[in-house]
Amino acid sequence: MTELPEGIAGAEQAQRTTMMRRYTTDPELLDEFVQFLRSEVFPAREARGFTVESVWLSAEKDELTWFVSRPGSREEFEQAEKEWEESEERARIFAGRPAFVLGKDIRPVTRLR
């Protein structure tokens, strides 16, 4: 096993907050959901200063995990997230969409490597 470096990766850089977003998904809607994220959600979030770091899909195709970051403190991230959640843009993007997500686990994470 590779030994992890001392301290936190990127600690010398400007403060950045990263959130893990893990969704339990409807496998029958997965392809449509991934396309929706790529074409609508990710570009809209990135226009608001968020960075989509990576996106992962379980082998069973029933769980999608993605990491999103933003410069600043956790409080600043949460404020930007709240503004996104309450925005007319988000409401428009999600209007009339099926229930892609059956459950969510969202939490702050720290990169170690």
Protein backbone atom coordinates (compact mmCIF):
# COMPACT_ATOMS: atom_id res chain seq x y z
CA MET A 1 0.00 0.00 0.00
CA THR A 2 1.22 3.48 -0.83
CA GLU A 3 2.01 5.56 2.21
CA LEU A 4 0.00 8.76 2.45
CA PRO A 5 1.92 12.02 2.72
CA GLU A 6 2.16 13.90 5.98
CA GLY A 7 -0.65 16.42 6.40
CA ILE A 8 -3.48 17.23 4.03
CA ALA A 9 -3.04 17.39 0.26
CA GLY A 10 -3.07 20.95 -1.00
CA ALA A 11 -3.03 22.46 2.50
CA GLU A 12 -0.53 25.03 1.30
CA GLN A 13 -2.99 26.24 -1.35
CA ALA A 14 -5.88 28.63 -0.82
CA GLN A 15 -8.70 27.19 1.28
CA ARG A 16 -11.13 25.07 -0.69
CA THR A 17 -14.19 23.17 0.55
CA THR A 18 -15.22 19.86 -1.02
CA MET A 19 -18.49 18.00 -0.56
CA MET A 20 -19.19 14.38 -1.37
CA ARG A 21 -22.65 13.88 -2.84
CA ARG A 22 -23.72 10.23 -2.91
CA TYR A 23 -27.09 9.45 -4.45
CA THR A 24 -29.07 6.22 -4.46
CA THR A 25 -30.52 6.23 -7.96
CA ASP A 26 -33.22 4.53 -9.95
CA PRO A 27 -31.19 2.23 -12.28
CA GLU A 28 -33.87 2.49 -14.96
CA LEU A 29 -33.38 6.27 -15.11
CA LEU A 30 -29.61 6.24 -14.73
CA ASP A 31 -28.64 7.07 -18.32
CA GLU A 32 -31.10 9.97 -18.41
CA PHE A 33 -29.88 11.17 -15.00
CA VAL A 34 -26.21 11.14 -16.02
CA GLN A 35 -27.03 13.05 -19.21
CA PHE A 36 -29.06 15.56 -17.18
CA LEU A 37 -26.16 16.10 -14.77
CA ARG A 38 -23.64 16.54 -17.59
CA SER A 39 -25.72 18.84 -19.76
CA GLU A 40 -27.70 20.88 -17.21
CA VAL A 41 -26.61 20.62 -13.57
CA PHE A 42 -22.81 20.57 -13.80
CA PRO A 43 -22.55 23.54 -16.22
CA ALA A 44 -24.97 25.60 -14.11
CA ARG A 45 -23.04 24.86 -10.92
CA GLU A 46 -19.70 25.57 -12.57
CA ALA A 47 -21.03 28.94 -13.76
CA ARG A 48 -21.63 29.71 -10.07
CA GLY A 49 -18.02 28.98 -9.08
CA PHE A 50 -18.31 25.29 -8.15
CA THR A 51 -15.92 22.69 -9.58
CA VAL A 52 -17.09 19.15 -10.28
CA GLU A 53 -13.99 17.20 -9.22
CA SER A 54 -15.03 13.67 -10.19
CA VAL A 55 -18.09 11.46 -10.69
CA TRP A 56 -18.28 7.76 -9.82
CA LEU A 57 -20.89 5.07 -10.52
CA SER A 58 -21.29 1.84 -8.57
CA ALA A 59 -20.95 -1.45 -10.44
CA GLU A 60 -24.63 -2.12 -9.75
CA LYS A 61 -25.50 1.26 -11.33
CA ASP A 62 -27.69 2.16 -8.37
CA GLU A 63 -25.38 4.62 -6.63
CA LEU A 64 -23.74 7.71 -8.09
CA THR A 65 -21.12 9.64 -6.11
CA TRP A 66 -19.65 12.96 -7.08
CA PHE A 67 -17.33 15.44 -5.48
CA VAL A 68 -17.91 19.17 -5.84
CA SER A 69 -15.64 21.89 -4.51
CA ARG A 70 -15.48 25.65 -4.23
CA PRO A 71 -12.86 28.11 -3.03
CA GLY A 72 -13.44 29.31 0.51
CA SER A 73 -14.57 28.08 3.89
CA ARG A 74 -17.28 25.55 4.61
CA GLU A 75 -19.58 28.41 5.60
CA GLU A 76 -18.96 30.14 2.27
CA PHE A 77 -19.61 26.86 0.44
CA GLU A 78 -22.86 26.35 2.35
CA GLN A 79 -24.00 29.90 1.54
CA ALA A 80 -23.28 29.40 -2.19
CA GLU A 81 -25.06 26.02 -2.01
CA LYS A 82 -28.09 27.64 -0.37
CA GLU A 83 -28.18 30.31 -3.09
CA TRP A 84 -28.05 27.58 -5.75
CA GLU A 85 -30.77 25.52 -4.07
CA GLU A 86 -33.08 28.56 -3.85
CA SER A 87 -32.33 29.93 -7.32
CA GLU A 88 -34.84 30.31 -10.12
CA GLU A 89 -32.25 28.75 -12.44
CA ARG A 90 -32.19 25.53 -10.43
CA ALA A 91 -35.99 25.46 -10.21
CA ARG A 92 -36.20 25.81 -13.99
CA ILE A 93 -33.59 23.10 -14.62
CA PHE A 94 -35.33 20.60 -12.33
CA ALA A 95 -38.93 21.43 -13.35
CA GLY A 96 -40.78 18.40 -14.69
CA ARG A 97 -37.87 16.00 -14.18
CA PRO A 98 -38.48 12.50 -12.85
CA ALA A 99 -37.32 11.44 -9.38
CA PHE A 100 -33.82 10.36 -10.37
CA VAL A 101 -32.58 10.34 -6.78
CA LEU A 102 -34.12 8.01 -4.20
CA GLY A 103 -31.77 8.93 -1.34
CA LYS A 104 -28.87 11.29 -0.59
CA ASP A 105 -25.75 11.33 1.56
CA ILE A 106 -24.04 14.73 1.42
CA ARG A 107 -21.07 15.56 3.61
CA PRO A 108 -17.87 17.60 3.66
CA VAL A 109 -14.70 15.66 2.89
CA THR A 110 -10.97 16.34 3.03
CA ARG A 111 -8.61 15.15 0.32
CA LEU A 112 -5.72 13.10 1.68
CA ARG A 113 -4.10 12.20 -1.60
